[in-house]
Amino acid sequence: MNFLSHFYFDRDTTNCYHTLGTVLPDLLKNADKSIIIHPEKLRHPDKNINDIILGWRKHLEVDKFFHSSGFFIARSHALKNLLAPAIVGSPVKPFFLGHIALEIILDNLLITTGKISTDDFYTHLDSCDTGVIKEFLNFSSLSDTDRFFKFFEEFKRSRYLETYAQNNQVTYALKRICMRVWKDPFTKEQEERMTALITAYRNAMLVDFIDIFNHISELLPRN
């Protein structure tokens, strides 16, 4: 799941460090894909740092339930088949596109149906003390934190997740992700076709997209 979909499961929390933990695996991956840490089995005496660890564990749980669900398997496959003819000639693999398109569509639906507030999300991130985050990363065996913090500050400043409310920006977000691997993943015509197809698929998902969130909520341990 993407950032805002992870936030959905803790949208009512007042604990900014727990919220950060639930999205930190993806933040680190976006900052530098070579960064690999595994703090999920650790425990720290500082409450704030331990709250980040607990959020991290929840991220892993949610992703496990999501990627093994019938919803994910069926919908990502459907999107792969739908988008494949629109990107003929592109270096991007349709199965990869179907996977990430589904995740960004879910974020779009959470915003546009009022299920979550992007203001709340960013307020949580802005409330976290840099020193606490740095201590967590060092404790997790990441000594060079400059790359992460450079990305993190820009991530908070740009608030680009807010653009997911616009259907054409779903395609742009897909393009941005693909550009990490391929310089020019899509032509302008391919992007236009993708936008039309994604918009139609997104509209069809309006009636039942929340089912996957309800399903995962039932599987998560009760606090």
N, C-alpha and C. Protein backbone atom coordinates (compact mmCIF):
# COMPACT_ATOMS: atom_id res chain seq x y z
N MET A 1 0.83 -1.20 0.00
CA MET A 1 0.00 0.00 0.00
C MET A 1 0.87 1.25 0.00
N ASN A 2 0.28 2.35 -0.44
CA ASN A 2 1.02 3.60 -0.53
C ASN A 2 0.85 4.40 0.78
N PHE A 3 1.47 5.57 0.83
CA PHE A 3 1.53 6.37 2.06
C PHE A 3 0.18 6.59 2.73
N LEU A 4 -0.77 7.13 1.97
CA LEU A 4 -2.04 7.52 2.58
C LEU A 4 -2.90 6.31 2.95
N SER A 5 -2.74 5.22 2.22
CA SER A 5 -3.47 4.00 2.58
C SER A 5 -2.96 3.44 3.91
N HIS A 6 -1.65 3.53 4.14
CA HIS A 6 -1.11 3.12 5.44
C HIS A 6 -1.63 4.05 6.54
N PHE A 7 -1.69 5.33 6.24
CA PHE A 7 -2.16 6.31 7.23
C PHE A 7 -3.61 6.05 7.63
N TYR A 8 -4.41 5.52 6.72
CA TYR A 8 -5.82 5.27 6.99
C TYR A 8 -6.04 4.47 8.27
N PHE A 9 -5.19 3.47 8.49
CA PHE A 9 -5.40 2.56 9.62
C PHE A 9 -5.10 3.22 10.97
N ASP A 10 -4.42 4.37 10.95
CA ASP A 10 -4.13 5.09 12.19
C ASP A 10 -4.51 6.55 12.06
N ARG A 11 -5.53 6.81 11.28
CA ARG A 11 -5.93 8.19 10.98
C ARG A 11 -6.40 8.95 12.22
N ASP A 12 -6.80 8.23 13.28
CA ASP A 12 -7.31 8.88 14.49
C ASP A 12 -6.27 8.98 15.60
N THR A 13 -5.07 8.51 15.35
CA THR A 13 -4.05 8.55 16.39
C THR A 13 -3.55 9.97 16.62
N THR A 14 -3.06 10.22 17.82
CA THR A 14 -2.44 11.51 18.13
C THR A 14 -0.93 11.35 18.25
N ASN A 15 -0.43 10.17 17.96
CA ASN A 15 0.99 9.85 18.13
C ASN A 15 1.72 10.02 16.80
N CYS A 16 2.44 11.12 16.65
CA CYS A 16 3.09 11.41 15.37
C CYS A 16 4.20 10.40 15.07
N TYR A 17 4.85 9.87 16.10
CA TYR A 17 5.95 8.93 15.86
C TYR A 17 5.43 7.58 15.37
N HIS A 18 4.29 7.17 15.87
CA HIS A 18 3.68 5.94 15.35
C HIS A 18 3.30 6.15 13.88
N THR A 19 2.69 7.30 13.58
CA THR A 19 2.32 7.59 12.19
C THR A 19 3.54 7.58 11.29
N LEU A 20 4.62 8.22 11.73
CA LEU A 20 5.85 8.22 10.94
C LEU A 20 6.32 6.79 10.69
N GLY A 21 6.29 5.95 11.73
CA GLY A 21 6.73 4.57 11.57
C GLY A 21 5.94 3.80 10.54
N THR A 22 4.64 4.10 10.43
CA THR A 22 3.81 3.35 9.49
C THR A 22 4.13 3.68 8.03
N VAL A 23 4.81 4.79 7.78
CA VAL A 23 5.16 5.14 6.40
C VAL A 23 6.67 5.21 6.17
N LEU A 24 7.44 5.06 7.23
CA LEU A 24 8.89 5.20 7.12
C LEU A 24 9.55 4.18 6.19
N PRO A 25 9.11 2.92 6.14
CA PRO A 25 9.74 2.00 5.18
C PRO A 25 9.68 2.52 3.74
N ASP A 26 8.54 3.11 3.36
CA ASP A 26 8.41 3.64 1.99
C ASP A 26 9.16 4.96 1.83
N LEU A 27 9.21 5.77 2.87
CA LEU A 27 9.99 7.01 2.80
C LEU A 27 11.47 6.70 2.56
N LEU A 28 11.99 5.73 3.28
CA LEU A 28 13.40 5.35 3.11
C LEU A 28 13.65 4.78 1.72
N LYS A 29 12.73 3.95 1.24
CA LYS A 29 12.87 3.35 -0.09
C LYS A 29 12.86 4.42 -1.17
N ASN A 30 12.03 5.45 -0.99
CA ASN A 30 11.97 6.54 -1.95
C ASN A 30 13.21 7.42 -1.87
N ALA A 31 13.74 7.59 -0.67
CA ALA A 31 14.94 8.42 -0.50
C ALA A 31 16.14 7.78 -1.16
N ASP A 32 16.29 6.49 -0.99
CA ASP A 32 17.43 5.77 -1.57
C ASP A 32 17.13 4.28 -1.48
N LYS A 33 16.91 3.64 -2.61
CA LYS A 33 16.52 2.24 -2.60
C LYS A 33 17.61 1.32 -2.06
N SER A 34 18.84 1.84 -1.92
CA SER A 34 19.91 1.01 -1.37
C SER A 34 19.88 0.96 0.16
N ILE A 35 19.06 1.83 0.78
CA ILE A 35 18.94 1.82 2.24
C ILE A 35 18.09 0.63 2.67
N ILE A 36 18.68 -0.25 3.47
CA ILE A 36 17.96 -1.43 3.96
C ILE A 36 18.21 -1.56 5.46
N ILE A 37 17.15 -1.44 6.23
CA ILE A 37 17.24 -1.65 7.67
C ILE A 37 16.10 -2.56 8.11
N HIS A 38 16.28 -3.23 9.25
CA HIS A 38 15.26 -4.15 9.77
C HIS A 38 15.08 -3.92 11.27
N PRO A 39 14.42 -2.81 11.64
CA PRO A 39 14.25 -2.52 13.06
C PRO A 39 13.05 -3.21 13.70
N GLU A 40 12.31 -4.00 12.93
CA GLU A 40 11.04 -4.52 13.44
C GLU A 40 11.20 -5.46 14.63
N LYS A 41 12.39 -6.03 14.83
CA LYS A 41 12.60 -6.93 15.96
C LYS A 41 13.30 -6.24 17.13
N LEU A 42 13.55 -4.93 16.98
CA LEU A 42 14.27 -4.20 18.02
C LEU A 42 13.30 -3.58 19.03
N ARG A 43 13.87 -3.18 20.14
CA ARG A 43 13.11 -2.44 21.14
C ARG A 43 14.04 -1.41 21.75
N HIS A 44 13.54 -0.20 21.95
CA HIS A 44 14.35 0.91 22.45
C HIS A 44 13.72 1.43 23.73
N PRO A 45 14.55 1.86 24.70
CA PRO A 45 13.99 2.37 25.96
C PRO A 45 13.24 3.69 25.82
N ASP A 46 13.56 4.47 24.77
CA ASP A 46 12.87 5.74 24.57
C ASP A 46 11.51 5.49 23.93
N LYS A 47 10.45 6.03 24.54
CA LYS A 47 9.09 5.76 24.06
C LYS A 47 8.89 6.21 22.62
N ASN A 48 9.36 7.39 22.27
CA ASN A 48 9.14 7.90 20.92
C ASN A 48 9.79 7.02 19.86
N ILE A 49 11.01 6.60 20.14
CA ILE A 49 11.70 5.73 19.19
C ILE A 49 11.01 4.37 19.12
N ASN A 50 10.56 3.87 20.26
CA ASN A 50 9.85 2.59 20.24
C ASN A 50 8.51 2.70 19.51
N ASP A 51 7.88 3.88 19.58
CA ASP A 51 6.64 4.09 18.83
C ASP A 51 6.89 4.03 17.32
N ILE A 52 8.03 4.56 16.88
CA ILE A 52 8.38 4.45 15.46
C ILE A 52 8.53 2.98 15.08
N ILE A 53 9.18 2.20 15.94
CA ILE A 53 9.36 0.77 15.67
C ILE A 53 8.01 0.06 15.58
N LEU A 54 7.10 0.39 16.49
CA LEU A 54 5.77 -0.23 16.46
C LEU A 54 5.02 0.14 15.19
N GLY A 55 5.16 1.39 14.75
CA GLY A 55 4.55 1.81 13.49
C GLY A 55 5.15 1.07 12.32
N TRP A 56 6.46 0.87 12.35
CA TRP A 56 7.15 0.13 11.30
C TRP A 56 6.60 -1.30 11.20
N ARG A 57 6.43 -1.93 12.36
CA ARG A 57 5.88 -3.29 12.37
C ARG A 57 4.48 -3.32 11.74
N LYS A 58 3.69 -2.31 12.06
CA LYS A 58 2.34 -2.28 11.51
C LYS A 58 2.37 -2.12 10.00
N HIS A 59 3.30 -1.33 9.49
CA HIS A 59 3.46 -1.18 8.04
C HIS A 59 3.68 -2.56 7.40
N LEU A 60 4.56 -3.33 7.98
CA LEU A 60 4.85 -4.66 7.43
C LEU A 60 3.63 -5.57 7.48
N GLU A 61 2.87 -5.49 8.57
CA GLU A 61 1.66 -6.29 8.70
C GLU A 61 0.63 -5.92 7.63
N VAL A 62 0.39 -4.63 7.48
CA VAL A 62 -0.60 -4.16 6.50
C VAL A 62 -0.20 -4.59 5.09
N ASP A 63 1.06 -4.42 4.74
CA ASP A 63 1.51 -4.82 3.40
C ASP A 63 1.36 -6.32 3.19
N LYS A 64 1.65 -7.10 4.23
CA LYS A 64 1.51 -8.56 4.11
C LYS A 64 0.06 -8.94 3.83
N PHE A 65 -0.87 -8.37 4.58
CA PHE A 65 -2.28 -8.68 4.38
C PHE A 65 -2.79 -8.17 3.03
N PHE A 66 -2.33 -7.00 2.63
CA PHE A 66 -2.78 -6.42 1.36
C PHE A 66 -2.31 -7.25 0.18
N HIS A 67 -1.02 -7.56 0.12
CA HIS A 67 -0.47 -8.24 -1.04
C HIS A 67 -0.89 -9.70 -1.15
N SER A 68 -1.40 -10.26 -0.07
CA SER A 68 -1.89 -11.64 -0.13
C SER A 68 -3.40 -11.71 -0.31
N SER A 69 -4.05 -10.56 -0.40
CA SER A 69 -5.51 -10.54 -0.49
C SER A 69 -6.01 -10.83 -1.90
N GLY A 70 -7.20 -11.38 -1.97
CA GLY A 70 -7.83 -11.59 -3.27
C GLY A 70 -8.09 -10.28 -3.98
N PHE A 71 -8.39 -9.24 -3.21
CA PHE A 71 -8.61 -7.91 -3.77
C PHE A 71 -7.39 -7.45 -4.55
N PHE A 72 -6.23 -7.51 -3.93
CA PHE A 72 -5.01 -7.05 -4.60
C PHE A 72 -4.70 -7.90 -5.82
N ILE A 73 -4.79 -9.20 -5.68
CA ILE A 73 -4.45 -10.10 -6.79
C ILE A 73 -5.36 -9.85 -7.98
N ALA A 74 -6.67 -9.76 -7.74
CA ALA A 74 -7.63 -9.57 -8.83
C ALA A 74 -7.53 -8.18 -9.44
N ARG A 75 -7.45 -7.14 -8.61
CA ARG A 75 -7.48 -5.77 -9.13
C ARG A 75 -6.17 -5.39 -9.83
N SER A 76 -5.04 -5.79 -9.29
CA SER A 76 -3.78 -5.47 -9.94
C SER A 76 -3.66 -6.20 -11.27
N HIS A 77 -4.20 -7.44 -11.33
CA HIS A 77 -4.19 -8.20 -12.58
C HIS A 77 -5.10 -7.54 -13.62
N ALA A 78 -6.26 -7.07 -13.16
CA ALA A 78 -7.19 -6.40 -14.07
C ALA A 78 -6.57 -5.12 -14.63
N LEU A 79 -5.90 -4.36 -13.78
CA LEU A 79 -5.25 -3.13 -14.23
C LEU A 79 -4.10 -3.43 -15.17
N LYS A 80 -3.37 -4.50 -14.90
CA LYS A 80 -2.29 -4.90 -15.80
C LYS A 80 -2.84 -5.16 -17.20
N ASN A 81 -3.92 -5.93 -17.29
CA ASN A 81 -4.52 -6.24 -18.59
C ASN A 81 -5.13 -5.01 -19.26
N LEU A 82 -5.67 -4.12 -18.45
CA LEU A 82 -6.29 -2.91 -18.98
C LEU A 82 -5.26 -1.95 -19.55
N LEU A 83 -4.13 -1.81 -18.85
CA LEU A 83 -3.13 -0.82 -19.24
C LEU A 83 -2.13 -1.33 -20.26
N ALA A 84 -1.97 -2.64 -20.36
CA ALA A 84 -0.97 -3.20 -21.26
C ALA A 84 -1.09 -2.70 -22.71
N PRO A 85 -2.29 -2.69 -23.32
CA PRO A 85 -2.37 -2.20 -24.70
C PRO A 85 -2.04 -0.71 -24.84
N ALA A 86 -2.22 0.05 -23.76
CA ALA A 86 -1.96 1.49 -23.81
C ALA A 86 -0.49 1.83 -23.74
N ILE A 87 0.35 0.88 -23.30
CA ILE A 87 1.78 1.19 -23.14
C ILE A 87 2.65 0.31 -24.03
N VAL A 88 2.10 -0.19 -25.12
CA VAL A 88 2.89 -1.00 -26.05
C VAL A 88 4.10 -0.19 -26.51
N GLY A 89 5.28 -0.78 -26.41
CA GLY A 89 6.50 -0.08 -26.77
C GLY A 89 7.22 0.55 -25.60
N SER A 90 6.54 0.64 -24.45
CA SER A 90 7.15 1.19 -23.25
C SER A 90 8.02 0.13 -22.59
N PRO A 91 9.13 0.54 -21.96
CA PRO A 91 9.96 -0.45 -21.24
C PRO A 91 9.33 -0.93 -19.94
N VAL A 92 8.27 -0.26 -19.49
CA VAL A 92 7.63 -0.60 -18.21
C VAL A 92 6.83 -1.89 -18.35
N LYS A 93 7.02 -2.79 -17.42
CA LYS A 93 6.29 -4.06 -17.43
C LYS A 93 4.85 -3.83 -16.95
N PRO A 94 3.86 -4.34 -17.67
CA PRO A 94 2.46 -4.12 -17.29
C PRO A 94 2.12 -4.60 -15.88
N PHE A 95 2.72 -5.71 -15.41
CA PHE A 95 2.38 -6.20 -14.07
C PHE A 95 2.86 -5.22 -13.00
N PHE A 96 4.00 -4.58 -13.25
CA PHE A 96 4.50 -3.57 -12.33
C PHE A 96 3.58 -2.36 -12.32
N LEU A 97 3.15 -1.95 -13.49
CA LEU A 97 2.26 -0.79 -13.61
C LEU A 97 0.92 -1.06 -12.93
N GLY A 98 0.38 -2.27 -13.11
CA GLY A 98 -0.89 -2.61 -12.48
C GLY A 98 -0.81 -2.56 -10.97
N HIS A 99 0.31 -3.01 -10.43
CA HIS A 99 0.53 -3.02 -8.98
C HIS A 99 0.53 -1.60 -8.42
N ILE A 100 1.38 -0.75 -8.96
CA ILE A 100 1.50 0.60 -8.38
C ILE A 100 0.29 1.47 -8.72
N ALA A 101 -0.34 1.22 -9.88
CA ALA A 101 -1.54 1.99 -10.23
C ALA A 101 -2.64 1.73 -9.21
N LEU A 102 -2.82 0.49 -8.81
CA LEU A 102 -3.85 0.15 -7.83
C LEU A 102 -3.59 0.88 -6.51
N GLU A 103 -2.34 0.90 -6.07
CA GLU A 103 -2.03 1.53 -4.79
C GLU A 103 -2.28 3.03 -4.82
N ILE A 104 -1.94 3.68 -5.93
CA ILE A 104 -2.15 5.13 -6.01
C ILE A 104 -3.64 5.45 -6.18
N ILE A 105 -4.37 4.62 -6.91
CA ILE A 105 -5.82 4.81 -7.03
C ILE A 105 -6.48 4.74 -5.65
N LEU A 106 -6.04 3.82 -4.80
CA LEU A 106 -6.60 3.72 -3.46
C LEU A 106 -6.34 5.00 -2.66
N ASP A 107 -5.14 5.55 -2.78
CA ASP A 107 -4.86 6.84 -2.11
C ASP A 107 -5.78 7.92 -2.64
N ASN A 108 -5.97 7.97 -3.95
CA ASN A 108 -6.86 8.95 -4.57
C ASN A 108 -8.27 8.84 -4.00
N LEU A 109 -8.76 7.62 -3.88
CA LEU A 109 -10.12 7.41 -3.40
C LEU A 109 -10.27 7.79 -1.93
N LEU A 110 -9.25 7.51 -1.13
CA LEU A 110 -9.32 7.90 0.28
C LEU A 110 -9.42 9.42 0.44
N ILE A 111 -8.68 10.15 -0.40
CA ILE A 111 -8.72 11.61 -0.33
C ILE A 111 -10.05 12.13 -0.83
N THR A 112 -10.45 11.69 -2.02
CA THR A 112 -11.61 12.28 -2.68
C THR A 112 -12.94 11.90 -2.03
N THR A 113 -12.95 10.83 -1.25
CA THR A 113 -14.17 10.47 -0.53
C THR A 113 -14.14 10.95 0.92
N GLY A 114 -13.09 11.67 1.29
CA GLY A 114 -13.01 12.25 2.63
C GLY A 114 -12.71 11.25 3.73
N LYS A 115 -12.15 10.09 3.38
CA LYS A 115 -11.84 9.09 4.40
C LYS A 115 -10.63 9.48 5.24
N ILE A 116 -9.72 10.25 4.65
CA ILE A 116 -8.55 10.73 5.38
C ILE A 116 -8.29 12.18 5.02
N SER A 117 -7.49 12.84 5.85
CA SER A 117 -7.12 14.23 5.62
C SER A 117 -5.62 14.31 5.38
N THR A 118 -5.21 14.83 4.23
CA THR A 118 -3.78 15.00 3.97
C THR A 118 -3.17 16.01 4.93
N ASP A 119 -3.95 17.00 5.36
CA ASP A 119 -3.45 17.96 6.36
C ASP A 119 -3.04 17.25 7.64
N ASP A 120 -3.88 16.33 8.09
CA ASP A 120 -3.57 15.56 9.29
C ASP A 120 -2.28 14.75 9.10
N PHE A 121 -2.16 14.14 7.94
CA PHE A 121 -0.98 13.32 7.64
C PHE A 121 0.29 14.16 7.73
N TYR A 122 0.31 15.27 7.03
CA TYR A 122 1.51 16.11 7.02
C TYR A 122 1.77 16.76 8.37
N THR A 123 0.72 17.07 9.12
CA THR A 123 0.90 17.62 10.46
C THR A 123 1.63 16.64 11.36
N HIS A 124 1.29 15.36 11.24
CA HIS A 124 2.00 14.32 12.00
C HIS A 124 3.48 14.33 11.65
N LEU A 125 3.80 14.33 10.38
CA LEU A 125 5.21 14.29 9.98
C LEU A 125 5.96 15.53 10.44
N ASP A 126 5.32 16.68 10.32
CA ASP A 126 5.96 17.93 10.74
C ASP A 126 6.18 17.98 12.25
N SER A 127 5.40 17.22 13.01
CA SER A 127 5.49 17.26 14.47
C SER A 127 6.62 16.40 15.03
N CYS A 128 7.20 15.55 14.21
CA CYS A 128 8.26 14.65 14.68
C CYS A 128 9.59 15.39 14.78
N ASP A 129 10.27 15.21 15.89
CA ASP A 129 11.56 15.85 16.12
C ASP A 129 12.66 15.13 15.32
N THR A 130 13.45 15.93 14.61
CA THR A 130 14.51 15.36 13.77
C THR A 130 15.50 14.54 14.58
N GLY A 131 15.80 15.00 15.80
CA GLY A 131 16.74 14.26 16.63
C GLY A 131 16.25 12.87 16.98
N VAL A 132 14.94 12.73 17.22
CA VAL A 132 14.37 11.41 17.53
C VAL A 132 14.47 10.51 16.30
N ILE A 133 14.14 11.06 15.13
CA ILE A 133 14.21 10.26 13.90
C ILE A 133 15.65 9.81 13.65
N LYS A 134 16.59 10.71 13.82
CA LYS A 134 18.00 10.39 13.60
C LYS A 134 18.46 9.29 14.55
N GLU A 135 18.05 9.39 15.81
CA GLU A 135 18.41 8.36 16.78
C GLU A 135 17.82 7.01 16.40
N PHE A 136 16.58 7.02 15.91
CA PHE A 136 15.97 5.76 15.45
C PHE A 136 16.78 5.17 14.30
N LEU A 137 17.15 5.98 13.33
CA LEU A 137 17.89 5.48 12.17
C LEU A 137 19.27 4.97 12.58
N ASN A 138 19.95 5.69 13.46
CA ASN A 138 21.25 5.23 13.96
C ASN A 138 21.10 3.92 14.73
N PHE A 139 20.07 3.83 15.56
CA PHE A 139 19.80 2.62 16.34
C PHE A 139 19.51 1.44 15.42
N SER A 140 18.98 1.74 14.23
CA SER A 140 18.64 0.70 13.25
C SER A 140 19.80 0.43 12.30
N SER A 141 20.99 0.92 12.66
CA SER A 141 22.24 0.67 11.91
C SER A 141 22.36 1.48 10.62
N LEU A 142 21.69 2.63 10.55
CA LEU A 142 21.89 3.53 9.42
C LEU A 142 22.66 4.75 9.94
N SER A 143 23.95 4.81 9.63
CA SER A 143 24.79 5.88 10.15
C SER A 143 24.73 7.13 9.27
N ASP A 144 24.63 6.94 7.96
CA ASP A 144 24.58 8.08 7.03
C ASP A 144 23.11 8.42 6.78
N THR A 145 22.63 9.44 7.45
CA THR A 145 21.21 9.81 7.36
C THR A 145 20.96 11.02 6.46
N ASP A 146 22.01 11.58 5.87
CA ASP A 146 21.85 12.80 5.09
C ASP A 146 20.91 12.62 3.90
N ARG A 147 21.05 11.50 3.19
CA ARG A 147 20.20 11.26 2.02
C ARG A 147 18.73 11.20 2.40
N PHE A 148 18.48 10.54 3.52
CA PHE A 148 17.08 10.44 3.94
C PHE A 148 16.52 11.80 4.31
N PHE A 149 17.23 12.55 5.13
CA PHE A 149 16.67 13.82 5.59
C PHE A 149 16.51 14.84 4.46
N LYS A 150 17.39 14.79 3.48
CA LYS A 150 17.23 15.66 2.31
C LYS A 150 15.92 15.34 1.61
N PHE A 151 15.64 14.06 1.41
CA PHE A 151 14.38 13.65 0.78
C PHE A 151 13.19 13.97 1.67
N PHE A 152 13.30 13.68 2.94
CA PHE A 152 12.19 13.84 3.88
C PHE A 152 11.74 15.30 3.97
N GLU A 153 12.68 16.20 4.04
CA GLU A 153 12.32 17.62 4.13
C GLU A 153 11.62 18.08 2.86
N GLU A 154 12.07 17.62 1.70
CA GLU A 154 11.42 17.99 0.45
C GLU A 154 10.04 17.33 0.34
N PHE A 155 9.92 16.11 0.83
CA PHE A 155 8.65 15.39 0.82
C PHE A 155 7.61 16.17 1.62
N LYS A 156 8.01 16.68 2.78
CA LYS A 156 7.08 17.45 3.62
C LYS A 156 6.79 18.82 3.00
N ARG A 157 7.81 19.43 2.44
CA ARG A 157 7.63 20.78 1.87
C ARG A 157 6.71 20.76 0.66
N SER A 158 6.90 19.80 -0.23
CA SER A 158 6.15 19.77 -1.50
C SER A 158 4.70 19.33 -1.32
N ARG A 159 4.44 18.49 -0.30
CA ARG A 159 3.09 17.97 -0.05
C ARG A 159 2.47 17.41 -1.34
N TYR A 160 3.28 16.68 -2.09
CA TYR A 160 2.82 16.25 -3.41
C TYR A 160 1.71 15.19 -3.33
N LEU A 161 1.55 14.55 -2.18
CA LEU A 161 0.46 13.57 -2.07
C LEU A 161 -0.91 14.23 -2.22
N GLU A 162 -0.97 15.53 -1.96
CA GLU A 162 -2.24 16.24 -2.13
C GLU A 162 -2.69 16.23 -3.59
N THR A 163 -1.75 16.13 -4.53
CA THR A 163 -2.11 16.13 -5.95
C THR A 163 -2.81 14.84 -6.36
N TYR A 164 -2.75 13.80 -5.51
CA TYR A 164 -3.41 12.54 -5.85
C TYR A 164 -4.92 12.68 -5.95
N ALA A 165 -5.45 13.79 -5.45
CA ALA A 165 -6.89 14.03 -5.55
C ALA A 165 -7.31 14.29 -6.99
N GLN A 166 -6.36 14.61 -7.85
CA GLN A 166 -6.65 14.87 -9.27
C GLN A 166 -6.35 13.61 -10.07
N ASN A 167 -7.31 13.15 -10.85
CA ASN A 167 -7.14 11.89 -11.56
C ASN A 167 -5.96 11.90 -12.53
N ASN A 168 -5.72 13.03 -13.20
CA ASN A 168 -4.61 13.06 -14.15
C ASN A 168 -3.26 12.98 -13.42
N GLN A 169 -3.26 13.35 -12.13
CA GLN A 169 -2.02 13.28 -11.37
C GLN A 169 -1.68 11.86 -10.95
N VAL A 170 -2.65 10.96 -11.02
CA VAL A 170 -2.36 9.55 -10.77
C VAL A 170 -1.38 9.04 -11.82
N THR A 171 -1.63 9.39 -13.06
CA THR A 171 -0.72 9.02 -14.14
C THR A 171 0.65 9.65 -13.94
N TYR A 172 0.66 10.91 -13.54
CA TYR A 172 1.94 11.59 -13.31
C TYR A 172 2.73 10.91 -12.20
N ALA A 173 2.02 10.50 -11.14
CA ALA A 173 2.69 9.80 -10.04
C ALA A 173 3.28 8.48 -10.51
N LEU A 174 2.54 7.77 -11.35
CA LEU A 174 3.05 6.52 -11.93
C LEU A 174 4.31 6.79 -12.76
N LYS A 175 4.26 7.85 -13.53
CA LYS A 175 5.42 8.21 -14.36
C LYS A 175 6.63 8.51 -13.49
N ARG A 176 6.43 9.26 -12.41
CA ARG A 176 7.53 9.60 -11.51
C ARG A 176 8.18 8.35 -10.93
N ILE A 177 7.36 7.40 -10.53
CA ILE A 177 7.88 6.16 -9.97
C ILE A 177 8.67 5.39 -11.02
N CYS A 178 8.13 5.30 -12.22
CA CYS A 178 8.79 4.57 -13.29
C CYS A 178 10.10 5.24 -13.72
N MET A 179 10.16 6.57 -13.58
CA MET A 179 11.37 7.30 -13.97
C MET A 179 12.56 7.01 -13.07
N ARG A 180 12.32 6.36 -11.93
CA ARG A 180 13.44 5.93 -11.10
C ARG A 180 14.23 4.83 -11.78
N VAL A 181 13.57 4.12 -12.69
CA VAL A 181 14.21 3.00 -13.39
C VAL A 181 14.45 3.32 -14.86
N TRP A 182 13.47 3.97 -15.49
CA TRP A 182 13.55 4.27 -16.91
C TRP A 182 13.48 5.78 -17.14
N LYS A 183 14.36 6.31 -17.97
CA LYS A 183 14.43 7.76 -18.17
C LYS A 183 13.14 8.32 -18.78
N ASP A 184 12.66 7.71 -19.84
CA ASP A 184 11.44 8.17 -20.52
C ASP A 184 10.48 6.99 -20.63
N PRO A 185 9.74 6.70 -19.56
CA PRO A 185 8.92 5.47 -19.56
C PRO A 185 7.73 5.50 -20.49
N PHE A 186 7.14 6.71 -20.73
CA PHE A 186 5.92 6.79 -21.53
C PHE A 186 5.98 7.98 -22.49
N THR A 187 5.31 7.81 -23.62
CA THR A 187 5.12 8.95 -24.52
C THR A 187 3.92 9.76 -24.04
N LYS A 188 3.75 10.95 -24.58
CA LYS A 188 2.60 11.78 -24.20
C LYS A 188 1.29 11.07 -24.53
N GLU A 189 1.25 10.42 -25.68
CA GLU A 189 0.03 9.71 -26.09
C GLU A 189 -0.27 8.55 -25.14
N GLN A 190 0.76 7.84 -24.72
CA GLN A 190 0.55 6.75 -23.77
C GLN A 190 0.02 7.28 -22.44
N GLU A 191 0.54 8.41 -21.99
CA GLU A 191 0.06 9.00 -20.75
C GLU A 191 -1.41 9.39 -20.85
N GLU A 192 -1.82 9.91 -21.98
CA GLU A 192 -3.22 10.31 -22.17
C GLU A 192 -4.13 9.09 -22.14
N ARG A 193 -3.69 8.02 -22.80
CA ARG A 193 -4.50 6.79 -22.79
C ARG A 193 -4.57 6.20 -21.38
N MET A 194 -3.45 6.22 -20.69
CA MET A 194 -3.43 5.70 -19.31
C MET A 194 -4.38 6.49 -18.41
N THR A 195 -4.37 7.81 -18.54
CA THR A 195 -5.23 8.65 -17.71
C THR A 195 -6.70 8.32 -17.92
N ALA A 196 -7.09 8.14 -19.17
CA ALA A 196 -8.49 7.82 -19.47
C ALA A 196 -8.87 6.47 -18.87
N LEU A 197 -8.00 5.48 -19.00
CA LEU A 197 -8.28 4.15 -18.49
C LEU A 197 -8.29 4.11 -16.96
N ILE A 198 -7.31 4.79 -16.34
CA ILE A 198 -7.22 4.82 -14.88
C ILE A 198 -8.42 5.54 -14.28
N THR A 199 -8.84 6.63 -14.91
CA THR A 199 -10.00 7.38 -14.42
C THR A 199 -11.26 6.52 -14.44
N ALA A 200 -11.45 5.80 -15.53
CA ALA A 200 -12.62 4.93 -15.64
C ALA A 200 -12.57 3.81 -14.60
N TYR A 201 -11.39 3.23 -14.40
CA TYR A 201 -11.26 2.14 -13.43
C TYR A 201 -11.45 2.66 -12.01
N ARG A 202 -10.90 3.84 -11.75
CA ARG A 202 -11.05 4.47 -10.44
C ARG A 202 -12.53 4.73 -10.14
N ASN A 203 -13.28 5.21 -11.11
CA ASN A 203 -14.70 5.48 -10.91
C ASN A 203 -15.48 4.20 -10.61
N ALA A 204 -15.09 3.12 -11.26
CA ALA A 204 -15.76 1.84 -11.01
C ALA A 204 -15.45 1.31 -9.61
N MET A 205 -14.28 1.64 -9.08
CA MET A 205 -13.88 1.16 -7.76
C MET A 205 -14.55 1.92 -6.61
N LEU A 206 -15.17 3.04 -6.92
CA LEU A 206 -15.80 3.86 -5.88
C LEU A 206 -16.76 3.07 -4.99
N VAL A 207 -17.46 2.13 -5.58
CA VAL A 207 -18.53 1.44 -4.85
C VAL A 207 -18.02 0.46 -3.80
N ASP A 208 -16.80 -0.06 -3.98
CA ASP A 208 -16.37 -1.12 -3.06
C ASP A 208 -14.90 -1.05 -2.64
N PHE A 209 -14.21 0.04 -2.94
CA PHE A 209 -12.79 0.09 -2.61
C PHE A 209 -12.53 -0.03 -1.11
N ILE A 210 -13.48 0.46 -0.30
CA ILE A 210 -13.27 0.44 1.14
C ILE A 210 -13.26 -0.97 1.70
N ASP A 211 -13.73 -1.94 0.92
CA ASP A 211 -13.77 -3.33 1.39
C ASP A 211 -12.38 -3.83 1.80
N ILE A 212 -11.35 -3.46 1.04
CA ILE A 212 -10.01 -3.97 1.36
C ILE A 212 -9.52 -3.38 2.68
N PHE A 213 -9.88 -2.14 2.95
CA PHE A 213 -9.48 -1.53 4.22
C PHE A 213 -10.22 -2.17 5.39
N ASN A 214 -11.49 -2.48 5.19
CA ASN A 214 -12.25 -3.17 6.23
C ASN A 214 -11.70 -4.57 6.47
N HIS A 215 -11.32 -5.24 5.39
CA HIS A 215 -10.78 -6.59 5.49
C HIS A 215 -9.47 -6.60 6.29
N ILE A 216 -8.57 -5.67 5.96
CA ILE A 216 -7.29 -5.61 6.66
C ILE A 216 -7.49 -5.20 8.11
N SER A 217 -8.40 -4.27 8.36
CA SER A 217 -8.68 -3.84 9.73
C SER A 217 -9.11 -5.01 10.61
N GLU A 218 -9.87 -5.95 10.04
CA GLU A 218 -10.33 -7.12 10.79
C GLU A 218 -9.17 -8.08 11.10
N LEU A 219 -8.14 -8.07 10.24
CA LEU A 219 -7.01 -8.98 10.43
C LEU A 219 -5.95 -8.43 11.38
N LEU A 220 -5.90 -7.11 11.51
CA LEU A 220 -4.88 -6.51 12.37
C LEU A 220 -5.17 -6.80 13.84
N PRO A 221 -4.13 -7.02 14.62
CA PRO A 221 -4.33 -7.26 16.07
C PRO A 221 -4.98 -6.06 16.73
N ARG A 222 -5.84 -6.30 17.68
CA ARG A 222 -6.47 -5.23 18.44
C ARG A 222 -5.48 -4.66 19.44
N ASN A 223 -5.47 -3.33 19.57
CA ASN A 223 -4.57 -2.69 20.53
C ASN A 223 -5.05 -2.92 21.97
